Amino acid sequence: MDINAVMIVLLCVIIICLLFIMYVMYVRIQQLLTEVDSLTGRMEITDNELEHLTRSVEEYKKTRV
């Protein structure tokens, strides 16, 4: 075996390892995007609740005056 064959095999192994790492990162990014979507839904509900609370406070101010 000459040095060129060893280098080619080594580079192939490195490329395969990098492809596996990229796949793992892709899967993790998809999981994080799913979590962001669920958090966005919670924030929208919170925004609606905040609007309702603001209206209630304004109505309370009007009745107090």
Protein backbone atom coordinates (compact mmCIF):
# COMPACT_ATOMS: atom_id res chain seq x y z
CA MET A 1 0.00 0.00 0.00
CA ASP A 2 1.32 3.36 -0.91
CA ILE A 3 0.67 6.67 0.83
CA ASN A 4 -1.85 7.81 -1.80
CA ALA A 5 -4.15 4.88 -1.13
CA VAL A 6 -3.95 5.50 2.62
CA MET A 7 -4.77 9.16 2.16
CA ILE A 8 -7.74 8.39 -0.10
CA VAL A 9 -9.16 5.93 2.44
CA LEU A 10 -8.59 8.41 5.27
CA LEU A 11 -10.30 11.22 3.37
CA CYS A 12 -13.24 8.96 2.52
CA VAL A 13 -13.67 8.09 6.20
CA ILE A 14 -13.52 11.77 7.13
CA ILE A 15 -16.12 12.67 4.50
CA ILE A 16 -18.46 9.93 5.74
CA CYS A 17 -18.06 11.19 9.32
CA LEU A 18 -18.80 14.75 8.22
CA LEU A 19 -21.91 13.63 6.34
CA PHE A 20 -23.14 11.84 9.45
CA ILE A 21 -22.54 14.96 11.56
CA MET A 22 -24.45 17.04 8.99
CA TYR A 23 -27.37 14.61 9.17
CA VAL A 24 -27.45 14.79 12.97
CA MET A 25 -27.37 18.59 12.79
CA TYR A 26 -30.21 18.58 10.25
CA VAL A 27 -32.37 16.41 12.51
CA ARG A 28 -31.66 18.69 15.48
CA ILE A 29 -32.52 21.81 13.46
CA GLN A 30 -35.86 20.23 12.50
CA GLN A 31 -36.57 19.51 16.19
CA LEU A 32 -35.73 23.10 17.12
CA LEU A 33 -37.97 24.47 14.37
CA THR A 34 -40.85 22.36 15.71
CA GLU A 35 -40.23 23.79 19.19
CA VAL A 36 -40.14 27.34 17.81
CA ASP A 37 -43.49 26.76 16.09
CA SER A 38 -45.05 25.56 19.35
CA LEU A 39 -43.61 28.54 21.23
CA THR A 40 -44.99 30.89 18.58
CA GLY A 41 -48.43 29.42 19.19
CA ARG A 42 -48.09 30.05 22.91
CA MET A 43 -46.97 33.62 22.27
CA GLU A 44 -50.02 34.28 20.09
CA ILE A 45 -52.30 33.07 22.88
CA THR A 46 -50.40 35.27 25.33
CA ASP A 47 -50.81 38.27 22.99
CA ASN A 48 -54.57 37.72 22.91
CA GLU A 49 -54.67 37.45 26.68
CA LEU A 50 -52.61 40.64 26.97
CA GLU A 51 -55.06 42.50 24.73
CA HIS A 52 -57.96 41.25 26.86
CA LEU A 53 -56.18 42.35 30.03
CA THR A 54 -55.49 45.79 28.55
CA ARG A 55 -59.16 46.22 27.66
CA SER A 56 -60.18 45.15 31.16
CA VAL A 57 -57.82 47.68 32.73
CA GLU A 58 -59.13 50.46 30.46
CA GLU A 59 -62.72 49.57 31.38
CA TYR A 60 -61.78 49.59 35.07
CA LYS A 61 -60.20 53.05 34.69
CA LYS A 62 -63.36 54.37 33.01
CA THR A 63 -65.63 53.03 35.74
CA ARG A 64 -63.38 54.39 38.50
CA VAL A 65 -63.37 57.95 37.21
